[in-house]
């Protein structure tokens, strides 16, 4: 294996050594360089003995001595993400409509991205070499989608060909000092009830180096043609799951089992306190987002209200059905402080993907535009999670296009109320 150089930082050790863009690193100190993690790990040695292929296709060798003042300076080509090989009965990507942007159909399952970005992986596309690399390079913590500890059921649910024992792999990782966050997507009639209880008990074992267990309900869109029939998690099931996780947590793993905000909403229970979530270990999994939003609002409200008064416009806070009660709570608090400015909240139903999809981050602008009517002096307020890193909604609408359609500025508030910007 090898790693091609995309760019070299000026005045770096690599530039001074004569390395060039387009050349290919083979080894460092005899170790194969296959990806950006290998480069970071082996490139941290004091003395580097590098074999590479030059632009003429010839094998070359250089020696570099680190001085810790200049960076090594090798920037590799983008990582070729390892894709998922499974056919999960509940896969959300398989439930997406056609003709959306390409990235929405990517099924990444790469342990490097799990380590770097906190993406959940399945462990079904890895071999012994990958496990050795994780252990040797201390790629910890990892984020693992378990769903069930019943090997036969897991294979049936996730649709992989080669049987694997996820518990054995996690024990091996644990014995070698690798920490893990795990998740279970609850699918009624598949891995709920006694199967869920067994999985929670298994994952609570003291011989596993598990930092947190996240439990979330299956997400279902209206695009499930030719897919297995799956029942949604209803109020009864959500309450059952909450009760079960509390029972197991109290007996075995206090403060390590966390349920998604959606489960509390479906059951009709209040979101737990800030203390319950600790350092919010599964925030990106939708767990604790509401509580963190409300906690940050306490600290941000004085400055935010000051800005609202300065803008001198009424605000319309636009959200999905899941967050509505909490956004309304914030709006009510603001209206008590403001005299000449009014804040109202509009809930948008997700007709684009189906009304069972309740999170604001999956709202389309087509639904927002159809369901929100603005008064002349109102500014719309969006959560930042409505947009991807390129500023696009799920149906590929840019913030500038929204401004053009509505002929006014828009206010984008960080999803955790840490920042906001009038665009």
Protein backbone atom coordinates (compact mmCIF):
# COMPACT_ATOMS: atom_id res chain seq x y z
CA UNK A 1 0.00 0.00 0.00
CA UNK A 2 1.06 3.65 -0.30
CA UNK A 3 -0.06 7.24 0.13
CA UNK A 4 0.18 9.95 -2.52
CA UNK A 5 1.21 13.50 -1.63
CA UNK A 6 -1.40 16.13 -2.52
CA UNK A 7 0.48 19.17 -1.22
CA UNK A 8 3.57 20.11 0.76
CA UNK A 9 3.62 22.91 3.32
CA UNK A 10 6.12 25.67 2.42
CA UNK A 11 9.30 25.76 4.51
CA UNK A 12 8.49 22.33 5.96
CA UNK A 13 10.90 19.43 6.47
CA UNK A 14 9.32 17.62 3.52
CA UNK A 15 9.95 20.57 1.19
CA UNK A 16 13.55 20.90 2.36
CA UNK A 17 14.10 17.18 1.82
CA UNK A 18 13.07 17.46 -1.82
CA UNK A 19 9.74 15.64 -1.67
CA UNK A 20 7.29 16.83 -4.34
CA UNK A 21 3.55 16.96 -4.90
CA UNK A 22 2.37 13.83 -6.71
CA UNK A 23 5.06 11.57 -5.29
CA UNK A 24 4.01 8.51 -3.31
CA UNK A 25 5.11 7.59 0.21
CA UNK A 26 5.68 3.84 0.61
CA UNK A 27 7.12 3.41 4.10
CA UNK A 28 8.44 5.32 7.11
CA UNK A 29 11.01 3.51 9.24
CA UNK A 30 9.98 0.30 7.51
CA UNK A 31 6.27 0.73 8.30
CA UNK A 32 3.74 0.84 5.48
CA UNK A 33 2.02 4.21 5.04
CA UNK A 34 -1.51 3.52 3.81
CA UNK A 35 -3.56 6.47 5.08
CA UNK A 36 -3.49 9.78 6.92
CA UNK A 37 -3.49 8.07 10.33
CA UNK A 38 -0.40 6.05 9.41
CA UNK A 39 1.26 9.27 8.29
CA UNK A 40 0.46 11.00 11.59
CA UNK A 41 1.42 8.00 13.74
CA UNK A 42 4.69 6.99 12.10
CA UNK A 43 5.53 10.54 11.05
CA UNK A 44 5.82 11.51 14.72
CA UNK A 45 9.14 9.67 15.17
CA UNK A 46 12.27 11.76 15.69
CA UNK A 47 14.19 10.15 12.84
CA UNK A 48 12.33 9.26 9.62
CA UNK A 49 13.69 6.85 7.05
CA UNK A 50 11.33 7.27 4.08
CA UNK A 51 10.94 5.16 0.96
CA UNK A 52 8.90 6.73 -1.82
CA UNK A 53 8.16 6.69 -5.56
CA UNK A 54 9.22 9.87 -7.36
CA UNK A 55 7.48 11.55 -10.29
CA UNK A 56 9.48 9.48 -12.75
CA UNK A 57 8.20 6.27 -11.18
CA UNK A 58 11.54 5.43 -9.56
CA UNK A 59 11.90 4.23 -5.97
CA UNK A 60 13.82 6.70 -3.81
CA UNK A 61 14.97 6.99 -0.21
CA UNK A 62 15.49 10.01 2.08
CA UNK A 63 16.28 10.59 5.75
CA UNK A 64 14.56 13.35 7.76
CA UNK A 65 15.48 14.44 11.26
CA UNK A 66 12.64 16.17 13.12
CA UNK A 67 13.53 19.49 14.76
CA UNK A 68 10.05 20.18 16.27
CA UNK A 69 10.18 23.73 14.91
CA UNK A 70 9.23 23.02 11.30
CA UNK A 71 6.31 20.72 10.50
CA UNK A 72 6.90 17.55 8.52
CA UNK A 73 4.55 19.16 5.99
CA UNK A 74 3.19 16.21 3.97
CA UNK A 75 -0.48 16.67 3.08
CA UNK A 76 -1.92 13.43 1.61
CA UNK A 77 -4.68 13.06 -0.94
CA UNK A 78 -8.18 12.79 0.63
CA UNK A 79 -8.87 9.51 2.38
CA UNK A 80 -10.84 6.95 0.38
CA UNK A 81 -13.57 6.24 2.92
CA UNK A 82 -14.44 2.58 3.50
CA UNK A 83 -18.09 1.97 2.69
CA UNK A 84 -20.68 -0.15 4.47
CA UNK A 85 -21.19 -3.66 3.04
CA UNK A 86 -24.35 -4.38 5.00
CA UNK A 87 -28.04 -4.36 4.09
CA UNK A 88 -29.64 -3.31 7.38
CA UNK A 89 -33.42 -3.67 7.48
CA UNK A 90 -33.60 -0.21 9.10
CA UNK A 91 -30.97 1.62 7.02
CA UNK A 92 -32.00 5.28 6.78
CA UNK A 93 -30.04 5.83 3.57
CA UNK A 94 -32.13 3.16 1.83
CA UNK A 95 -35.21 5.22 2.74
CA UNK A 96 -34.10 8.41 1.00
CA UNK A 97 -35.89 9.67 -2.13
CA UNK A 98 -34.04 9.81 -5.43
CA UNK A 99 -32.15 12.76 -6.93
CA UNK A 100 -30.79 14.34 -3.74
CA UNK A 101 -27.13 15.32 -3.40
CA UNK A 102 -24.71 12.41 -3.65
CA UNK A 103 -23.37 12.68 -0.10
CA UNK A 104 -26.79 11.76 1.33
CA UNK A 105 -26.45 8.27 -0.14
CA UNK A 106 -22.98 7.53 1.24
CA UNK A 107 -22.88 4.64 3.71
CA UNK A 108 -19.54 5.18 5.44
CA UNK A 109 -18.26 2.43 7.73
CA UNK A 110 -14.64 3.45 8.26
CA UNK A 111 -12.89 2.87 11.58
CA UNK A 112 -10.54 5.80 10.90
CA UNK A 113 -13.51 8.16 10.62
CA UNK A 114 -14.97 6.58 13.75
CA UNK A 115 -11.83 7.53 15.64
CA UNK A 116 -11.45 11.01 14.13
CA UNK A 117 -15.07 12.15 13.72
CA UNK A 118 -17.09 9.87 16.03
CA UNK A 119 -18.91 8.09 13.19
CA UNK A 120 -20.54 4.82 14.18
CA UNK A 121 -19.15 1.69 12.53
CA UNK A 122 -20.36 -1.92 12.41
CA UNK A 123 -17.06 -3.90 12.54
CA UNK A 124 -18.38 -6.08 9.70
CA UNK A 125 -15.87 -4.97 7.03
CA UNK A 126 -12.67 -5.35 9.04
CA UNK A 127 -9.97 -7.99 9.25
CA UNK A 128 -7.22 -8.93 11.69
CA UNK A 129 -4.90 -6.35 10.13
CA UNK A 130 -7.42 -3.59 10.93
CA UNK A 131 -7.80 -4.78 14.52
CA UNK A 132 -4.02 -4.85 14.98
CA UNK A 133 -3.78 -1.33 13.58
CA UNK A 134 -6.46 -0.03 15.98
CA UNK A 135 -4.62 -1.57 18.93
CA UNK A 136 -1.09 -0.61 17.83
CA UNK A 137 -1.97 2.99 17.00
CA UNK A 138 -4.30 3.38 19.98
CA UNK A 139 -7.30 4.48 17.89
CA UNK A 140 -9.52 5.07 20.88
CA UNK A 141 -12.33 5.67 21.54
CA UNK A 142 -14.27 4.04 18.71
CA UNK A 143 -18.02 4.35 18.08
CA UNK A 144 -19.72 1.04 17.33
CA UNK A 145 -23.22 0.20 16.12
CA UNK A 146 -24.11 -2.99 17.98
CA UNK A 147 -27.94 -3.09 17.80
CA UNK A 148 -28.00 -6.54 19.37
CA UNK A 149 -25.47 -8.88 20.99
CA UNK A 150 -27.33 -11.90 19.59
CA UNK A 151 -24.99 -12.86 16.72
CA UNK A 152 -27.62 -14.62 14.60
CA UNK A 153 -30.15 -11.82 15.05
CA UNK A 154 -27.51 -9.18 14.33
CA UNK A 155 -26.55 -10.84 11.07
CA UNK A 156 -30.21 -11.09 10.07
CA UNK A 157 -30.92 -7.45 10.97
CA UNK A 158 -27.81 -6.06 9.34
CA UNK A 159 -27.65 -8.33 6.31
CA UNK A 160 -23.93 -9.19 6.23
CA UNK A 161 -22.69 -12.45 4.75
CA UNK A 162 -19.74 -13.49 6.88
CA UNK A 163 -20.78 -14.26 10.50
CA UNK A 164 -18.95 -12.25 13.16
CA UNK A 165 -19.15 -12.18 16.92
CA UNK A 166 -19.27 -8.51 17.85
CA UNK A 167 -18.84 -9.29 21.55
CA UNK A 168 -15.59 -11.18 20.91
CA UNK A 169 -14.20 -8.29 18.87
CA UNK A 170 -15.15 -5.76 21.55
CA UNK A 171 -13.61 -7.95 24.28
CA UNK A 172 -10.38 -8.14 22.29
CA UNK A 173 -10.36 -4.37 21.85
CA UNK A 174 -11.15 -3.87 25.53
CA UNK A 175 -8.36 -6.20 26.67
CA UNK A 176 -5.96 -4.09 24.62
CA UNK A 177 -7.04 -0.79 26.12
CA UNK A 178 -9.40 0.46 23.40
CA UNK A 179 -12.43 2.36 24.69
CA UNK A 180 -15.80 2.35 22.93
CA UNK A 181 -19.11 4.15 22.70
CA UNK A 182 -21.85 1.89 21.39
CA UNK A 183 -25.37 2.36 20.08
CA UNK A 184 -28.53 0.31 19.70
CA UNK A 185 -31.23 1.28 17.20
CA UNK A 186 -34.45 -0.16 18.62
CA UNK A 187 -36.53 -1.86 15.92
CA UNK A 188 -39.88 -3.17 17.23
CA UNK A 189 -40.36 -6.92 16.77
CA UNK A 190 -36.66 -7.36 16.03
CA UNK A 191 -34.31 -6.34 18.84
CA UNK A 192 -36.69 -4.97 21.48
CA UNK A 193 -38.14 -6.65 24.57
CA UNK A 194 -36.05 -9.50 25.99
CA UNK A 195 -33.49 -9.14 23.20
CA UNK A 196 -32.89 -5.51 24.12
CA UNK A 197 -32.59 -6.36 27.80
CA UNK A 198 -30.05 -9.09 27.06
CA UNK A 199 -28.04 -6.72 24.85
CA UNK A 200 -27.98 -4.02 27.55
CA UNK A 201 -26.89 -6.56 30.16
CA UNK A 202 -24.19 -7.96 27.87
CA UNK A 203 -22.87 -4.49 27.06
CA UNK A 204 -22.84 -3.62 30.77
CA UNK A 205 -20.32 -6.37 31.46
CA UNK A 206 -17.26 -5.26 33.41
CA UNK A 207 -14.93 -6.96 30.93
CA UNK A 208 -15.91 -4.50 28.20
CA UNK A 209 -14.25 -1.10 28.01
CA UNK A 210 -17.49 0.69 27.08
CA UNK A 211 -17.82 4.37 27.95
CA UNK A 212 -21.48 4.83 26.98
CA UNK A 213 -24.45 2.99 25.53
CA UNK A 214 -26.84 4.98 23.36
CA UNK A 215 -30.37 3.77 22.67
CA UNK A 216 -32.32 5.40 19.83
CA UNK A 217 -35.61 4.57 18.04
CA UNK A 218 -35.59 3.40 14.45
CA UNK A 219 -36.05 6.23 11.94
CA UNK A 220 -38.63 5.61 9.23
CA UNK A 221 -39.41 7.71 6.16
CA UNK A 222 -42.28 7.34 3.71
CA UNK A 223 -39.89 5.84 1.15
CA UNK A 224 -39.86 2.19 2.22
CA UNK A 225 -41.09 0.51 -0.94
CA UNK A 226 -39.59 -2.98 -1.35
CA UNK A 227 -38.10 -2.82 2.14
CA UNK A 228 -39.03 -4.99 5.16
CA UNK A 229 -42.12 -3.88 7.05
CA UNK A 230 -41.08 -2.15 10.29
CA UNK A 231 -43.34 -0.74 12.96
CA UNK A 232 -42.42 2.65 14.41
CA UNK A 233 -41.61 3.06 18.09
CA UNK A 234 -44.90 4.17 19.65
CA UNK A 235 -45.52 5.66 23.10
CA UNK A 236 -45.93 2.29 24.78
CA UNK A 237 -42.70 0.96 23.30
CA UNK A 238 -40.78 4.15 24.09
CA UNK A 239 -41.86 4.02 27.74
CA UNK A 240 -40.94 0.33 27.89
CA UNK A 241 -37.46 1.09 26.55
CA UNK A 242 -36.94 3.95 29.01
CA UNK A 243 -38.00 1.79 31.94
CA UNK A 244 -35.73 -1.04 30.84
CA UNK A 245 -32.67 1.16 30.39
CA UNK A 246 -33.19 2.72 33.80
CA UNK A 247 -33.53 -0.70 35.42
CA UNK A 248 -30.38 -2.08 33.83
CA UNK A 249 -28.48 1.13 34.48
CA UNK A 250 -29.34 1.15 38.17
CA UNK A 251 -28.19 -2.45 38.58
CA UNK A 252 -25.08 -2.51 36.41
CA UNK A 253 -23.91 0.69 34.71
CA UNK A 254 -25.09 3.89 36.38
CA UNK A 255 -24.75 6.94 34.14
CA UNK A 256 -23.61 4.93 31.10
CA UNK A 257 -26.88 4.13 29.32
CA UNK A 258 -28.49 7.06 27.54
CA UNK A 259 -31.71 7.23 25.55
CA UNK A 260 -32.33 9.64 22.69
CA UNK A 261 -34.37 12.80 23.18
CA UNK A 262 -36.94 11.36 20.81
CA UNK A 263 -37.70 8.42 23.11
CA UNK A 264 -38.51 10.82 25.96
CA UNK A 265 -40.69 12.87 23.63
CA UNK A 266 -42.60 9.86 22.30
CA UNK A 267 -43.17 8.56 25.82
CA UNK A 268 -44.20 11.99 27.08
CA UNK A 269 -41.48 12.18 29.72
CA UNK A 270 -39.35 15.19 30.60
CA UNK A 271 -35.80 15.39 29.29
CA UNK A 272 -33.27 14.51 32.06
CA UNK A 273 -31.23 17.21 33.81
CA UNK A 274 -27.82 18.44 32.74
CA UNK A 275 -26.14 16.33 35.46
CA UNK A 276 -27.55 13.14 33.95
CA UNK A 277 -25.62 13.57 30.70
CA UNK A 278 -22.21 14.27 32.23
CA UNK A 279 -19.94 15.26 29.34
CA UNK A 280 -22.65 14.40 26.76
CA UNK A 281 -20.82 11.38 25.30
CA UNK A 282 -23.37 10.68 22.55
CA UNK A 283 -24.39 14.19 21.57
CA UNK A 284 -23.92 13.56 17.84
CA UNK A 285 -26.28 10.62 18.17
CA UNK A 286 -29.12 12.96 19.12
CA UNK A 287 -28.76 12.18 22.81
CA UNK A 288 -28.88 15.17 25.15
CA UNK A 289 -29.19 17.77 22.39
CA UNK A 290 -32.33 19.30 23.87
CA UNK A 291 -30.89 19.58 27.36
CA UNK A 292 -27.66 21.15 26.08
CA UNK A 293 -29.68 23.63 24.01
CA UNK A 294 -31.66 24.69 27.08
CA UNK A 295 -28.54 24.90 29.25
CA UNK A 296 -26.73 27.06 26.71
CA UNK A 297 -29.80 29.24 26.34
CA UNK A 298 -29.50 30.17 29.99
CA UNK A 299 -26.05 31.60 29.32
CA UNK A 300 -26.82 33.12 25.91
CA UNK A 301 -30.22 34.72 26.41
CA UNK A 302 -29.06 38.10 27.70
CA UNK A 303 -26.78 38.68 24.70
CA UNK A 304 -29.29 37.21 22.25
CA UNK A 305 -32.14 39.39 23.49
CA UNK A 306 -29.85 42.42 23.24
CA UNK A 307 -29.18 41.60 19.59
CA UNK A 308 -32.87 41.08 18.87
CA UNK A 309 -33.65 44.49 20.30
CA UNK A 310 -30.92 46.01 18.13
CA UNK A 311 -32.30 44.39 14.95
CA UNK A 312 -35.80 45.74 15.70
CA UNK A 313 -37.58 42.93 13.82
CA UNK A 314 -40.09 40.34 14.95
CA UNK A 315 -38.73 36.79 14.78
CA UNK A 316 -40.30 33.55 13.54
CA UNK A 317 -38.48 30.54 14.99
CA UNK A 318 -38.89 27.61 12.59
CA UNK A 319 -38.52 24.07 13.92
CA UNK A 320 -39.63 20.47 13.60
CA UNK A 321 -42.22 18.80 15.77
CA UNK A 322 -39.68 17.19 18.13
CA UNK A 323 -38.09 20.43 19.33
CA UNK A 324 -41.24 22.57 19.21
CA UNK A 325 -42.09 22.53 22.97
CA UNK A 326 -38.56 23.62 23.86
CA UNK A 327 -38.28 26.31 21.19
CA UNK A 328 -41.68 27.59 22.34
CA UNK A 329 -40.34 27.70 25.89
CA UNK A 330 -37.45 29.90 24.70
CA UNK A 331 -39.82 32.13 22.71
CA UNK A 332 -42.14 32.57 25.71
CA UNK A 333 -39.22 33.62 27.86
CA UNK A 334 -38.10 36.13 25.25
CA UNK A 335 -41.59 37.61 24.85
CA UNK A 336 -41.66 38.32 28.58
CA UNK A 337 -38.49 40.40 28.21
CA UNK A 338 -39.33 42.17 24.94
CA UNK A 339 -41.95 44.91 24.64
CA UNK A 340 -41.99 46.11 21.03
CA UNK A 341 -40.81 42.89 19.41
CA UNK A 342 -42.73 39.63 19.13
CA UNK A 343 -41.31 36.11 18.85
CA UNK A 344 -43.45 33.31 17.48
CA UNK A 345 -42.72 29.66 16.71
CA UNK A 346 -43.85 27.72 13.65
CA UNK A 347 -43.73 23.94 13.56
CA UNK A 348 -43.05 22.48 10.13
CA UNK A 349 -44.27 18.96 9.39
CA UNK A 350 -41.88 16.86 7.35
CA UNK A 351 -43.88 15.99 4.25
CA UNK A 352 -40.68 15.63 2.22
CA UNK A 353 -39.54 12.49 4.07
CA UNK A 354 -42.72 11.68 5.98
CA UNK A 355 -44.29 13.13 9.11
CA UNK A 356 -42.76 10.46 11.35
CA UNK A 357 -39.43 12.27 10.78
CA UNK A 358 -39.59 14.95 13.47
CA UNK A 359 -36.09 16.44 13.80
CA UNK A 360 -35.44 19.96 12.49
CA UNK A 361 -32.20 18.90 10.82
CA UNK A 362 -34.08 16.84 8.22
CA UNK A 363 -36.57 19.53 7.20
CA UNK A 364 -36.56 20.55 3.54
CA UNK A 365 -36.92 24.13 2.40
CA UNK A 366 -39.80 23.01 0.19
CA UNK A 367 -41.77 22.07 3.32
CA UNK A 368 -40.69 25.23 5.12
CA UNK A 369 -41.68 27.44 2.21
CA UNK A 370 -45.06 25.73 1.89
CA UNK A 371 -45.93 25.91 5.60
CA UNK A 372 -44.42 29.19 6.83
CA UNK A 373 -46.10 32.50 6.04
CA UNK A 374 -44.07 35.52 7.06
CA UNK A 375 -45.36 38.97 7.87
CA UNK A 376 -43.57 41.90 6.18
CA UNK A 377 -41.38 42.79 9.17
CA UNK A 378 -40.53 39.26 10.37
CA UNK A 379 -37.13 37.57 10.18
CA UNK A 380 -37.08 33.75 10.01
CA UNK A 381 -34.86 31.90 12.47
CA UNK A 382 -33.31 28.55 11.56
CA UNK A 383 -31.26 26.06 13.54
CA UNK A 384 -27.79 25.55 12.06
CA UNK A 385 -28.42 21.80 11.78
CA UNK A 386 -30.91 22.52 8.99
CA UNK A 387 -27.84 23.10 6.79
CA UNK A 388 -24.84 20.94 5.99
CA UNK A 389 -21.27 22.22 6.11
CA UNK A 390 -21.77 23.79 2.68
CA UNK A 391 -24.84 25.69 3.87
CA UNK A 392 -27.35 23.52 1.98
CA UNK A 393 -30.69 22.13 3.13
CA UNK A 394 -31.52 18.49 2.54
CA UNK A 395 -33.18 19.47 -0.77
CA UNK A 396 -30.09 21.42 -1.88
CA UNK A 397 -31.26 24.99 -1.19
CA UNK A 398 -28.61 27.54 -0.23
CA UNK A 399 -29.08 30.18 2.43
CA UNK A 400 -28.71 32.85 -0.25
CA UNK A 401 -31.58 31.26 -2.18
CA UNK A 402 -33.80 31.35 0.91
CA UNK A 403 -33.03 35.05 1.27
CA UNK A 404 -33.89 35.58 -2.38
CA UNK A 405 -37.17 33.68 -2.17
CA UNK A 406 -38.29 35.48 0.98
CA UNK A 407 -36.65 38.82 0.18
CA UNK A 408 -35.18 39.35 3.63
CA UNK A 409 -32.30 38.37 5.90
CA UNK A 410 -32.40 35.10 7.80
CA UNK A 411 -31.07 34.37 11.27
CA UNK A 412 -29.12 31.12 11.72
CA UNK A 413 -28.70 30.02 15.34
CA UNK A 414 -26.23 27.33 16.36
CA UNK A 415 -28.16 24.15 17.20
CA UNK A 416 -26.81 24.30 20.76
CA UNK A 417 -27.34 28.07 21.08
CA UNK A 418 -23.63 28.79 21.29
CA UNK A 419 -23.64 31.36 18.49
CA UNK A 420 -25.90 33.05 15.93
CA UNK A 421 -25.53 35.03 12.72
CA UNK A 422 -27.80 37.30 10.71
CA UNK A 423 -27.18 36.20 7.13
